[in-house]
Amino acid sequence: MRGDMWDGLDAVAWRQLRHNYGRATDLPPLLRACADPDADVATRSLDELHNKVHHQGGWVCPAAAASPSCCGWPRIGRFT
């Protein structure tokens, strides 16, 4: 069942989206790293992802594209 939370992730035109640090092409690997079995890797990735899509208290454009993948995280058990 884990595979379905990533469905469509690579279909997003990340290159056309920008966060406060540049193009959003770095978000798919970050999203996948948030589900890493190593809790330290997942935590660091989640912190970095949060900083990029919720910068200084405001949501930026790529947040909407990242949301479907984030919704699948409870299924992997780490974020429940």
C-alpha atoms as a PDB file:
ATOM      1  CA  MET A   1       0.000   0.000   0.000  1.00  0.00           C
ATOM      2  CA  ARG A   2       2.960   2.349   0.473  1.00  0.00           C
ATOM      3  CA  GLY A   3       3.380   2.937  -3.251  1.00  0.00           C
ATOM      4  CA  ASP A   4       0.054   4.689  -3.708  1.00  0.00           C
ATOM      5  CA  MET A   5       0.982   7.678  -1.555  1.00  0.00           C
ATOM      6  CA  TRP A   6       3.598   8.557  -4.164  1.00  0.00           C
ATOM      7  CA  ASP A   7       1.251   8.220  -7.136  1.00  0.00           C
ATOM      8  CA  GLY A   8       1.391  11.354  -9.224  1.00  0.00           C
ATOM      9  CA  LEU A   9       4.346  12.874  -7.379  1.00  0.00           C
ATOM     10  CA  ASP A  10       6.578  12.773 -10.444  1.00  0.00           C
ATOM     11  CA  ALA A  11       3.768  14.028 -12.702  1.00  0.00           C
ATOM     12  CA  VAL A  12       3.788  17.433 -10.974  1.00  0.00           C
ATOM     13  CA  ALA A  13       5.613  20.146 -12.932  1.00  0.00           C
ATOM     14  CA  TRP A  14       7.919  20.900  -9.977  1.00  0.00           C
ATOM     15  CA  ARG A  15      10.295  22.866 -12.208  1.00  0.00           C
ATOM     16  CA  GLN A  16       7.545  25.420 -12.806  1.00  0.00           C
ATOM     17  CA  LEU A  17       6.878  25.886  -9.072  1.00  0.00           C
ATOM     18  CA  ARG A  18       9.027  27.942  -6.739  1.00  0.00           C
ATOM     19  CA  HIS A  19       9.466  28.125  -3.003  1.00  0.00           C
ATOM     20  CA  ASN A  20      11.409  30.849  -1.183  1.00  0.00           C
ATOM     21  CA  TYR A  21      14.727  29.173  -1.946  1.00  0.00           C
ATOM     22  CA  GLY A  22      14.255  28.560  -5.671  1.00  0.00           C
ATOM     23  CA  ARG A  23      12.678  25.956  -7.908  1.00  0.00           C
ATOM     24  CA  ALA A  24      10.648  23.262  -6.207  1.00  0.00           C
ATOM     25  CA  THR A  25      12.471  20.400  -7.956  1.00  0.00           C
ATOM     26  CA  ASP A  26      14.011  19.473  -4.593  1.00  0.00           C
ATOM     27  CA  LEU A  27      10.622  18.711  -3.010  1.00  0.00           C
ATOM     28  CA  PRO A  28       9.962  15.190  -4.382  1.00  0.00           C
ATOM     29  CA  PRO A  29      13.171  13.763  -2.850  1.00  0.00           C
ATOM     30  CA  LEU A  30      12.387  15.596   0.401  1.00  0.00           C
ATOM     31  CA  LEU A  31       8.858  14.184   0.471  1.00  0.00           C
ATOM     32  CA  ARG A  32      10.196  10.679  -0.041  1.00  0.00           C
ATOM     33  CA  ALA A  33      12.869  11.195   2.627  1.00  0.00           C
ATOM     34  CA  CYS A  34      10.158  12.134   5.131  1.00  0.00           C
ATOM     35  CA  ALA A  35       9.065   8.493   4.932  1.00  0.00           C
ATOM     36  CA  ASP A  36      12.602   7.151   5.439  1.00  0.00           C
ATOM     37  CA  PRO A  37      12.794   4.295   7.949  1.00  0.00           C
ATOM     38  CA  ASP A  38      15.617   6.170   9.705  1.00  0.00           C
ATOM     39  CA  ALA A  39      13.790   8.548  12.057  1.00  0.00           C
ATOM     40  CA  ASP A  40      16.655  11.060  12.018  1.00  0.00           C
ATOM     41  CA  VAL A  41      16.605  11.290   8.219  1.00  0.00           C
ATOM     42  CA  ALA A  42      12.815  11.609   8.217  1.00  0.00           C
ATOM     43  CA  THR A  43      12.841  14.316  10.895  1.00  0.00           C
ATOM     44  CA  ARG A  44      15.509  16.411   9.179  1.00  0.00           C
ATOM     45  CA  SER A  45      13.681  16.070   5.863  1.00  0.00           C
ATOM     46  CA  LEU A  46      10.371  17.080   7.397  1.00  0.00           C
ATOM     47  CA  ASP A  47      11.977  20.146   8.984  1.00  0.00           C
ATOM     48  CA  GLU A  48      13.505  21.169   5.655  1.00  0.00           C
ATOM     49  CA  LEU A  49      10.262  20.522   3.784  1.00  0.00           C
ATOM     50  CA  HIS A  50       8.311  22.578   6.301  1.00  0.00           C
ATOM     51  CA  ASN A  51      10.756  25.468   5.951  1.00  0.00           C
ATOM     52  CA  LYS A  52      10.398  25.428   2.178  1.00  0.00           C
ATOM     53  CA  VAL A  53       6.600  25.192   1.906  1.00  0.00           C
ATOM     54  CA  HIS A  54       5.586  27.107   5.032  1.00  0.00           C
ATOM     55  CA  HIS A  55       8.232  29.793   5.071  1.00  0.00           C
ATOM     56  CA  GLN A  56       8.009  32.418   7.817  1.00  0.00           C
ATOM     57  CA  GLY A  57       4.409  31.538   8.631  1.00  0.00           C
ATOM     58  CA  GLY A  58       3.041  31.653   5.095  1.00  0.00           C
ATOM     59  CA  TRP A  59       2.269  28.785   2.740  1.00  0.00           C
ATOM     60  CA  VAL A  60       3.980  28.943  -0.647  1.00  0.00           C
ATOM     61  CA  CYS A  61       2.731  27.605  -3.978  1.00  0.00           C
ATOM     62  CA  PRO A  62       4.350  24.118  -3.939  1.00  0.00           C
ATOM     63  CA  ALA A  63       2.568  23.264  -0.670  1.00  0.00           C
ATOM     64  CA  ALA A  64      -0.602  22.387  -2.572  1.00  0.00           C
ATOM     65  CA  ALA A  65       1.278  20.060  -4.916  1.00  0.00           C
ATOM     66  CA  ALA A  66       3.034  18.355  -1.987  1.00  0.00           C
ATOM     67  CA  SER A  67      -0.138  17.837   0.047  1.00  0.00           C
ATOM     68  CA  PRO A  68      -1.370  14.561  -1.527  1.00  0.00           C
ATOM     69  CA  SER A  69       1.896  12.809  -0.619  1.00  0.00           C
ATOM     70  CA  CYS A  70       1.820  14.203   2.922  1.00  0.00           C
ATOM     71  CA  CYS A  71      -1.685  12.804   3.398  1.00  0.00           C
ATOM     72  CA  GLY A  72      -0.290   9.303   2.964  1.00  0.00           C
ATOM     73  CA  TRP A  73       2.231   9.578   5.805  1.00  0.00           C
ATOM     74  CA  PRO A  74      -0.109   8.316   8.546  1.00  0.00           C
ATOM     75  CA  ARG A  75      -0.233   5.006   6.688  1.00  0.00           C
ATOM     76  CA  ILE A  76       3.480   4.453   7.341  1.00  0.00           C
ATOM     77  CA  GLY A  77       2.940   4.892  11.061  1.00  0.00           C
ATOM     78  CA  ARG A  78       5.518   7.547  11.847  1.00  0.00           C
ATOM     79  CA  PHE A  79       3.222  10.567  11.955  1.00  0.00           C
ATOM     80  CA  THR A  80       0.331   9.177  13.954  1.00  0.00           C
END
